PDB file of N, CA and C in Angstrom:
ATOM      1  N   MET A   1     -12.641 -12.300  -5.838  1.00  0.00           N
ATOM      2  CA  MET A   1     -12.013 -12.797  -4.774  1.00  0.00           C
ATOM      3  C   MET A   1     -10.512 -12.274  -4.936  1.00  0.00           C
ATOM      4  N   LEU A   2     -10.115 -11.809  -4.006  1.00  0.00           N
ATOM      5  CA  LEU A   2      -8.579 -10.994  -3.715  1.00  0.00           C
ATOM      6  C   LEU A   2      -7.697 -11.913  -3.446  1.00  0.00           C
ATOM      7  N   THR A   3      -6.330 -11.630  -3.863  1.00  0.00           N
ATOM      8  CA  THR A   3      -5.199 -12.676  -4.004  1.00  0.00           C
ATOM      9  C   THR A   3      -4.685 -11.964  -2.709  1.00  0.00           C
ATOM     10  N   ASN A   4      -3.697 -12.682  -1.954  1.00  0.00           N
ATOM     11  CA  ASN A   4      -3.155 -12.284  -0.843  1.00  0.00           C
ATOM     12  C   ASN A   4      -2.568 -10.920  -0.940  1.00  0.00           C
ATOM     13  N   GLU A   5      -1.861 -10.862  -2.287  1.00  0.00           N
ATOM     14  CA  GLU A   5      -1.023  -9.549  -2.745  1.00  0.00           C
ATOM     15  C   GLU A   5      -2.035  -8.503  -2.561  1.00  0.00           C
ATOM     16  N   GLN A   6      -3.013  -8.866  -3.590  1.00  0.00           N
ATOM     17  CA  GLN A   6      -4.085  -7.633  -3.157  1.00  0.00           C
ATOM     18  C   GLN A   6      -4.583  -7.663  -2.092  1.00  0.00           C
ATOM     19  N   LYS A   7      -4.831  -8.144  -1.248  1.00  0.00           N
ATOM     20  CA  LYS A   7      -5.100  -7.888   0.427  1.00  0.00           C
ATOM     21  C   LYS A   7      -4.201  -7.046   0.935  1.00  0.00           C
ATOM     22  N   ALA A   8      -3.002  -7.251   0.730  1.00  0.00           N
ATOM     23  CA  ALA A   8      -1.791  -6.775   1.502  1.00  0.00           C
ATOM     24  C   ALA A   8      -2.102  -5.112   0.740  1.00  0.00           C
ATOM     25  N   LEU A   9      -2.052  -5.038  -0.496  1.00  0.00           N
ATOM     26  CA  LEU A   9      -2.111  -3.783  -0.902  1.00  0.00           C
ATOM     27  C   LEU A   9      -3.144  -2.870  -0.294  1.00  0.00           C
ATOM     28  N   LYS A  10      -4.375  -3.595  -0.345  1.00  0.00           N
ATOM     29  CA  LYS A  10      -5.817  -3.054   0.342  1.00  0.00           C
ATOM     30  C   LYS A  10      -5.271  -2.500   1.545  1.00  0.00           C
ATOM     31  N   GLN A  11      -4.683  -3.372   2.674  1.00  0.00           N
ATOM     32  CA  GLN A  11      -4.369  -3.058   3.760  1.00  0.00           C
ATOM     33  C   GLN A  11      -3.328  -1.905   3.958  1.00  0.00           C
ATOM     34  N   LEU A  12      -2.394  -1.748   3.207  1.00  0.00           N
ATOM     35  CA  LEU A  12      -1.466  -0.754   2.703  1.00  0.00           C
ATOM     36  C   LEU A  12      -2.389   0.619   2.909  1.00  0.00           C
ATOM     37  N   ILE A  13      -3.189   0.743   1.734  1.00  0.00           N
ATOM     38  CA  ILE A  13      -4.054   1.848   1.336  1.00  0.00           C
ATOM     39  C   ILE A  13      -4.582   2.143   2.785  1.00  0.00           C
ATOM     40  N   ASN A  14      -5.131   1.276   3.326  1.00  0.00           N
ATOM     41  CA  ASN A  14      -6.119   1.614   4.634  1.00  0.00           C
ATOM     42  C   ASN A  14      -5.105   2.323   5.583  1.00  0.00           C
ATOM     43  N   TYR A  15      -4.024   1.827   5.644  1.00  0.00           N
ATOM     44  CA  TYR A  15      -3.159   2.291   6.868  1.00  0.00           C
ATOM     45  C   TYR A  15      -2.758   4.036   6.158  1.00  0.00           C
ATOM     46  N   ILE A  16      -2.586   4.040   4.970  1.00  0.00           N
ATOM     47  CA  ILE A  16      -2.183   5.529   4.364  1.00  0.00           C
ATOM     48  C   ILE A  16      -3.409   6.353   4.545  1.00  0.00           C
ATOM     49  N   GLU A  17      -4.586   5.991   4.091  1.00  0.00           N
ATOM     50  CA  GLU A  17      -5.799   6.699   4.385  1.00  0.00           C
ATOM     51  C   GLU A  17      -6.163   7.046   5.884  1.00  0.00           C
ATOM     52  N   GLN A  18      -5.607   6.327   6.716  1.00  0.00           N
ATOM     53  CA  GLN A  18      -5.741   6.633   8.276  1.00  0.00           C
ATOM     54  C   GLN A  18      -4.914   7.354   9.068  1.00  0.00           C
ATOM     55  N   GLY A  19      -3.888   7.546   7.914  1.00  0.00           N
ATOM     56  CA  GLY A  19      -2.725   8.020   8.556  1.00  0.00           C
ATOM     57  C   GLY A  19      -1.719   7.357   9.738  1.00  0.00           C
ATOM     58  N   GLN A  20      -1.907   5.863   9.670  1.00  0.00           N
ATOM     59  CA  GLN A  20      -1.151   5.234  10.746  1.00  0.00           C
ATOM     60  C   GLN A  20       0.287   4.841   9.933  1.00  0.00           C
ATOM     61  N   TRP A  21       0.941   5.706  10.303  1.00  0.00           N
ATOM     62  CA  TRP A  21       2.399   5.485   9.694  1.00  0.00           C
ATOM     63  C   TRP A  21       3.320   4.466  10.145  1.00  0.00           C
ATOM     64  N   GLU A  22       3.249   4.502  11.485  1.00  0.00           N
ATOM     65  CA  GLU A  22       4.055   3.605  12.324  1.00  0.00           C
ATOM     66  C   GLU A  22       3.573   2.001  11.938  1.00  0.00           C
ATOM     67  N   LYS A  23       2.282   1.606  11.985  1.00  0.00           N
ATOM     68  CA  LYS A  23       1.608   0.421  11.328  1.00  0.00           C
ATOM     69  C   LYS A  23       1.895  -0.027   9.737  1.00  0.00           C
ATOM     70  N   LEU A  24       2.008   1.149   9.135  1.00  0.00           N
ATOM     71  CA  LEU A  24       2.508   0.912   7.560  1.00  0.00           C
ATOM     72  C   LEU A  24       3.957   0.711   7.619  1.00  0.00           C
ATOM     73  N   ASN A  25       4.825   1.315   8.371  1.00  0.00           N
ATOM     74  CA  ASN A  25       6.140   1.121   8.293  1.00  0.00           C
ATOM     75  C   ASN A  25       6.371  -0.396   8.661  1.00  0.00           C
ATOM     76  N   LEU A  26       5.840  -0.985   9.849  1.00  0.00           N
ATOM     77  CA  LEU A  26       5.908  -2.158  10.285  1.00  0.00           C
ATOM     78  C   LEU A  26       5.422  -3.223   9.387  1.00  0.00           C
ATOM     79  N   TYR A  27       4.366  -3.013   8.723  1.00  0.00           N
ATOM     80  CA  TYR A  27       3.632  -3.919   7.698  1.00  0.00           C
ATOM     81  C   TYR A  27       4.153  -3.864   6.795  1.00  0.00           C
ATOM     82  N   CYS A  28       4.960  -2.980   6.163  1.00  0.00           N
ATOM     83  CA  CYS A  28       5.945  -3.050   4.923  1.00  0.00           C
ATOM     84  C   CYS A  28       7.363  -3.825   5.513  1.00  0.00           C
ATOM     85  N   GLN A  29       7.732  -3.938   6.519  1.00  0.00           N
ATOM     86  CA  GLN A  29       8.768  -4.679   6.853  1.00  0.00           C
ATOM     87  C   GLN A  29       8.662  -6.382   6.899  1.00  0.00           C
ATOM     88  N   ILE A  30       7.440  -6.366   6.915  1.00  0.00           N
ATOM     89  CA  ILE A  30       6.829  -7.856   7.276  1.00  0.00           C
ATOM     90  C   ILE A  30       6.695  -8.385   5.999  1.00  0.00           C
ATOM     91  N   ILE A  31       5.740  -7.917   5.090  1.00  0.00           N
ATOM     92  CA  ILE A  31       5.609  -8.173   3.743  1.00  0.00           C
ATOM     93  C   ILE A  31       6.731  -8.237   2.843  1.00  0.00           C
ATOM     94  N   ASN A  32       6.670  -9.215   1.418  1.00  0.00           N
ATOM     95  CA  ASN A  32       7.701  -8.820   0.593  1.00  0.00           C
ATOM     96  C   ASN A  32       7.092  -8.238  -0.529  1.00  0.00           C
ATOM     97  N   PRO A  33       7.471  -6.599  -0.600  1.00  0.00           N
ATOM     98  CA  PRO A  33       7.195  -5.767  -1.346  1.00  0.00           C
ATOM     99  C   PRO A  33       7.062  -6.058  -3.010  1.00  0.00           C
ATOM    100  N   LYS A  34       8.291  -7.176  -3.058  1.00  0.00           N
ATOM    101  CA  LYS A  34       8.466  -7.595  -4.573  1.00  0.00           C
ATOM    102  C   LYS A  34       7.129  -8.296  -4.913  1.00  0.00           C
ATOM    103  N   ASN A  35       6.394  -8.999  -4.312  1.00  0.00           N
ATOM    104  CA  ASN A  35       5.430  -9.625  -4.583  1.00  0.00           C
ATOM    105  C   ASN A  35       4.173  -8.876  -5.171  1.00  0.00           C
ATOM    106  N   LEU A  36       4.277  -7.661  -4.511  1.00  0.00           N
ATOM    107  CA  LEU A  36       2.921  -6.436  -4.816  1.00  0.00           C
ATOM    108  C   LEU A  36       3.308  -6.051  -6.368  1.00  0.00           C
ATOM    109  N   LEU A  37       4.407  -6.443  -6.944  1.00  0.00           N
ATOM    110  CA  LEU A  37       4.783  -5.839  -8.384  1.00  0.00           C
ATOM    111  C   LEU A  37       4.228  -6.753  -9.381  1.00  0.00           C
ATOM    112  N   ASN A  38       3.524  -7.720  -9.049  1.00  0.00           N
ATOM    113  CA  ASN A  38       2.896  -8.629 -10.186  1.00  0.00           C
ATOM    114  C   ASN A  38       1.894  -7.912 -11.077  1.00  0.00           C
ATOM    115  N   PRO A  39       1.953  -8.084 -12.430  1.00  0.00           N
ATOM    116  CA  PRO A  39       1.279  -7.451 -13.297  1.00  0.00           C
ATOM    117  C   PRO A  39      -0.354  -7.278 -13.116  1.00  0.00           C
ATOM    118  N   LYS A  40      -0.878  -8.458 -12.092  1.00  0.00           N
ATOM    119  CA  LYS A  40      -2.350  -8.542 -11.785  1.00  0.00           C
ATOM    120  C   LYS A  40      -2.783  -7.666 -10.924  1.00  0.00           C
ATOM    121  N   ASN A  41      -1.719  -6.991 -10.312  1.00  0.00           N
ATOM    122  CA  ASN A  41      -1.964  -6.145  -8.784  1.00  0.00           C
ATOM    123  C   ASN A  41      -1.729  -4.775  -9.375  1.00  0.00           C
ATOM    124  N   THR A  42      -1.361  -4.498 -10.662  1.00  0.00           N
ATOM    125  CA  THR A  42      -0.945  -3.126 -11.433  1.00  0.00           C
ATOM    126  C   THR A  42      -2.006  -1.973 -11.181  1.00  0.00           C
ATOM    127  N   LYS A  43      -3.291  -2.262 -10.915  1.00  0.00           N
ATOM    128  CA  LYS A  43      -4.219  -1.377 -10.809  1.00  0.00           C
ATOM    129  C   LYS A  43      -4.406  -0.883  -9.303  1.00  0.00           C
ATOM    130  N   ILE A  44      -4.089  -2.008  -8.277  1.00  0.00           N
ATOM    131  CA  ILE A  44      -4.133  -1.734  -6.904  1.00  0.00           C
ATOM    132  C   ILE A  44      -2.889  -0.840  -6.822  1.00  0.00           C
ATOM    133  N   PHE A  45      -1.678  -1.170  -7.306  1.00  0.00           N
ATOM    134  CA  PHE A  45      -0.541  -0.846  -6.786  1.00  0.00           C
ATOM    135  C   PHE A  45      -0.416   0.834  -7.196  1.00  0.00           C
ATOM    136  N   THR A  46      -1.098   0.728  -8.707  1.00  0.00           N
ATOM    137  CA  THR A  46      -1.087   2.191  -8.804  1.00  0.00           C
ATOM    138  C   THR A  46      -1.894   3.188  -8.167  1.00  0.00           C
ATOM    139  N   ALA A  47      -2.899   2.501  -7.520  1.00  0.00           N
ATOM    140  CA  ALA A  47      -3.712   3.579  -6.570  1.00  0.00           C
ATOM    141  C   ALA A  47      -2.916   4.019  -5.198  1.00  0.00           C
ATOM    142  N   LEU A  48      -2.200   2.732  -4.849  1.00  0.00           N
ATOM    143  CA  LEU A  48      -1.175   2.859  -3.718  1.00  0.00           C
ATOM    144  C   LEU A  48      -0.445   3.945  -3.924  1.00  0.00           C
ATOM    145  N   LYS A  49       0.354   3.993  -4.793  1.00  0.00           N
ATOM    146  CA  LYS A  49       1.642   4.879  -5.252  1.00  0.00           C
ATOM    147  C   LYS A  49       0.738   6.442  -5.123  1.00  0.00           C
ATOM    148  N   TYR A  50      -0.538   6.305  -5.850  1.00  0.00           N
ATOM    149  CA  TYR A  50      -1.197   7.564  -6.193  1.00  0.00           C
ATOM    150  C   TYR A  50      -1.275   8.332  -4.804  1.00  0.00           C
ATOM    151  N   LEU A  51      -1.900   7.215  -3.758  1.00  0.00           N
ATOM    152  CA  LEU A  51      -2.424   7.837  -2.486  1.00  0.00           C
ATOM    153  C   LEU A  51      -1.304   8.159  -1.754  1.00  0.00           C
ATOM    154  N   PHE A  52      -0.222   7.492  -1.735  1.00  0.00           N
ATOM    155  CA  PHE A  52       0.906   7.726  -0.885  1.00  0.00           C
ATOM    156  C   PHE A  52       1.594   9.037  -1.313  1.00  0.00           C
ATOM    157  N   LEU A  53       1.559   9.337  -2.751  1.00  0.00           N
ATOM    158  CA  LEU A  53       2.267  10.826  -3.163  1.00  0.00           C
ATOM    159  C   LEU A  53       1.311  11.837  -2.628  1.00  0.00           C
ATOM    160  N   GLU A  54       0.060  11.360  -2.589  1.00  0.00           N
ATOM    161  CA  GLU A  54      -1.190  12.334  -2.017  1.00  0.00           C
ATOM    162  C   GLU A  54      -0.984  12.966  -0.744  1.00  0.00           C
ATOM    163  N   LYS A  55      -0.807  11.963   0.150  1.00  0.00           N
ATOM    164  CA  LYS A  55      -0.293  12.054   1.578  1.00  0.00           C
ATOM    165  C   LYS A  55       0.944  12.568   1.547  1.00  0.00           C
ATOM    166  N   GLN A  56       1.900  12.193   0.803  1.00  0.00           N
ATOM    167  CA  GLN A  56       3.460  13.166   1.152  1.00  0.00           C
ATOM    168  C   GLN A  56       3.128  14.734   0.828  1.00  0.00           C
ATOM    169  N   THR A  57       2.399  14.946  -0.034  1.00  0.00           N
ATOM    170  CA  THR A  57       2.405  16.417  -0.517  1.00  0.00           C
ATOM    171  C   THR A  57       1.245  17.071   0.356  1.00  0.00           C
ATOM    172  N   SER A  58       0.526  16.407   1.004  1.00  0.00           N
ATOM    173  CA  SER A  58      -0.420  17.091   1.996  1.00  0.00           C
ATOM    174  C   SER A  58       0.233  17.345   3.710  1.00  0.00           C
ATOM    175  N   HIS A  59       1.097  16.416   3.712  1.00  0.00           N
ATOM    176  CA  HIS A  59       1.908  16.158   5.210  1.00  0.00           C
ATOM    177  C   HIS A  59       3.384  16.701   4.815  1.00  0.00           C
ATOM    178  N   PRO A  60       3.442  18.087   5.222  1.00  0.00           N
ATOM    179  CA  PRO A  60       4.628  18.922   5.025  1.00  0.00           C
ATOM    180  C   PRO A  60       5.853  18.122   6.029  1.00  0.00           C
TER     181      PRO A  60
END
């Protein structure tokens, strides 16, 4: 069972994968990103950072 924070991270990853940057921006404004830094969310957060960096390098 995923925690709310893990569900939020999963949603962020979905928006990144789908290239929905406006939704991603709005979602990030709504949630408290500090909650995503909890050590139990490290694996998902690391994946999120990796995917974000991948998208940044592939979109000039």
